[in-house]
Amino acid sequence: MSAAYTDTLAVGDLSVKLVNDNGYSRDLYVMSVDNSAKTFIVKFNGAPMGAYKFQVTSSSASAYGRIDTSAVTLTTSSTVTSITPKTGSVYGGTLLTIQGTNFSTTKLD
């Protein structure tokens, strides 16, 4: 068993990647590190539905390497509960309203 890590980490010392079994991966932006609580916060802008694992790597001189995150997974999902109106013109132009859960408020997501 290795000794507990006692040095401090800065935001620039960590890289975090979200990956799934289908080859999807995305680098996440590390926003803050709290060394006393041994936590960090990343910005998550959403991902396609599925199950993901995190790859966390430290570039700190005294603790370089991958951090064990094997027990951590993230499952993303959304649900459509209604689409209105139910009918529209065959020529298009009908404005639809789609309601559900876990939709982003950011239009580009």
Protein backbone atom coordinates (compact mmCIF):
# COMPACT_ATOMS: atom_id res chain seq x y z
CA MET A 1 0.00 0.00 0.00
CA SER A 2 1.40 3.40 -0.94
CA ALA A 3 1.62 6.32 1.45
CA ALA A 4 -1.17 8.90 1.44
CA TYR A 5 -0.62 11.89 -0.80
CA THR A 6 0.11 14.93 1.36
CA ASP A 7 1.22 17.63 -1.13
CA THR A 8 -1.17 20.19 -2.57
CA LEU A 9 -2.54 20.32 -6.09
CA ALA A 10 -3.40 23.36 -8.16
CA VAL A 11 -5.97 23.64 -10.96
CA GLY A 12 -3.20 23.37 -13.55
CA ASP A 13 -1.91 20.11 -12.02
CA LEU A 14 -5.03 18.11 -12.94
CA SER A 15 -6.43 16.96 -16.25
CA VAL A 16 -9.85 15.30 -16.32
CA LYS A 17 -11.31 13.39 -19.25
CA LEU A 18 -14.78 11.86 -19.62
CA VAL A 19 -14.73 8.60 -21.64
CA ASN A 20 -17.14 5.81 -22.58
CA ASP A 21 -16.85 2.36 -24.16
CA ASN A 22 -17.92 3.69 -27.60
CA GLY A 23 -14.77 5.80 -28.02
CA TYR A 24 -16.37 9.11 -26.99
CA SER A 25 -14.09 11.31 -24.92
CA ARG A 26 -14.12 14.92 -23.80
CA ASP A 27 -11.67 16.95 -21.76
CA LEU A 28 -13.35 18.66 -18.82
CA TYR A 29 -12.27 22.06 -17.50
CA VAL A 30 -10.98 21.93 -13.92
CA MET A 31 -12.47 24.98 -12.19
CA SER A 32 -11.17 24.61 -8.64
CA VAL A 33 -9.24 22.34 -6.27
CA ASP A 34 -9.87 22.08 -2.53
CA ASN A 35 -6.85 20.33 -1.04
CA SER A 36 -8.22 20.22 2.51
CA ALA A 37 -11.40 18.44 1.39
CA LYS A 38 -9.51 16.45 -1.29
CA THR A 39 -12.05 17.48 -3.92
CA PHE A 40 -12.09 19.33 -7.20
CA ILE A 41 -14.81 20.84 -9.39
CA VAL A 42 -15.01 20.47 -13.17
CA LYS A 43 -17.29 22.16 -15.68
CA PHE A 44 -19.61 19.64 -17.37
CA ASN A 45 -21.39 20.84 -20.50
CA GLY A 46 -23.31 17.65 -21.12
CA ALA A 47 -22.62 14.54 -23.18
CA PRO A 48 -24.56 12.05 -25.27
CA MET A 49 -26.66 9.62 -23.23
CA GLY A 50 -24.67 6.78 -21.75
CA ALA A 51 -22.36 5.60 -18.99
CA TYR A 52 -18.99 7.31 -18.59
CA LYS A 53 -15.81 6.90 -16.60
CA PHE A 54 -13.45 9.65 -15.56
CA GLN A 55 -9.72 9.67 -16.27
CA VAL A 56 -8.00 11.99 -13.81
CA THR A 57 -4.29 12.62 -14.21
CA SER A 58 -1.98 14.67 -12.01
CA SER A 59 1.03 16.44 -13.48
CA SER A 60 2.27 17.54 -10.05
CA ALA A 61 6.01 16.91 -9.75
CA SER A 62 5.60 14.88 -6.56
CA ALA A 63 2.49 12.90 -7.57
CA TYR A 64 2.57 12.44 -11.32
CA GLY A 65 0.23 9.84 -12.78
CA ARG A 66 -3.33 8.66 -13.09
CA ILE A 67 -5.60 8.83 -10.05
CA ASP A 68 -7.74 5.74 -9.39
CA THR A 69 -11.32 6.59 -10.37
CA SER A 70 -12.48 3.03 -11.04
CA ALA A 71 -15.34 3.37 -8.53
CA VAL A 72 -16.69 6.57 -10.12
CA THR A 73 -19.13 6.53 -13.04
CA LEU A 74 -21.47 9.10 -14.56
CA THR A 75 -24.69 8.16 -16.34
CA THR A 76 -26.32 10.79 -18.53
CA SER A 77 -29.91 10.59 -19.73
CA SER A 78 -32.87 12.70 -20.71
CA THR A 79 -36.56 12.01 -21.18
CA VAL A 80 -39.05 13.53 -23.60
CA THR A 81 -42.44 13.83 -21.87
CA SER A 82 -44.40 15.66 -24.58
CA ILE A 83 -44.21 17.14 -28.04
CA THR A 84 -46.81 19.73 -29.05
CA PRO A 85 -48.61 20.28 -31.34
CA LYS A 86 -49.28 16.67 -32.36
CA THR A 87 -50.01 17.66 -35.98
CA GLY A 88 -48.72 20.23 -38.44
CA SER A 89 -48.47 21.16 -42.08
CA VAL A 90 -46.95 18.66 -44.53
CA TYR A 91 -45.06 21.66 -45.95
CA GLY A 92 -43.21 22.27 -42.67
CA GLY A 93 -42.97 25.46 -40.68
CA THR A 94 -44.78 24.18 -37.59
CA LEU A 95 -43.07 25.31 -34.38
CA LEU A 96 -42.72 22.39 -31.96
CA THR A 97 -42.42 22.51 -28.20
CA ILE A 98 -40.53 19.57 -26.71
CA GLN A 99 -40.76 19.11 -22.94
CA GLY A 100 -38.88 16.70 -20.72
CA THR A 101 -36.19 16.27 -18.10
CA ASN A 102 -32.44 16.88 -18.07
CA PHE A 103 -32.42 19.32 -20.98
CA SER A 104 -29.78 22.03 -20.97
CA THR A 105 -30.68 25.70 -20.87
CA THR A 106 -27.70 26.36 -23.18
CA LYS A 107 -28.91 26.32 -26.78
CA LEU A 108 -25.64 24.93 -28.15
CA ASP A 109 -25.64 21.83 -25.90
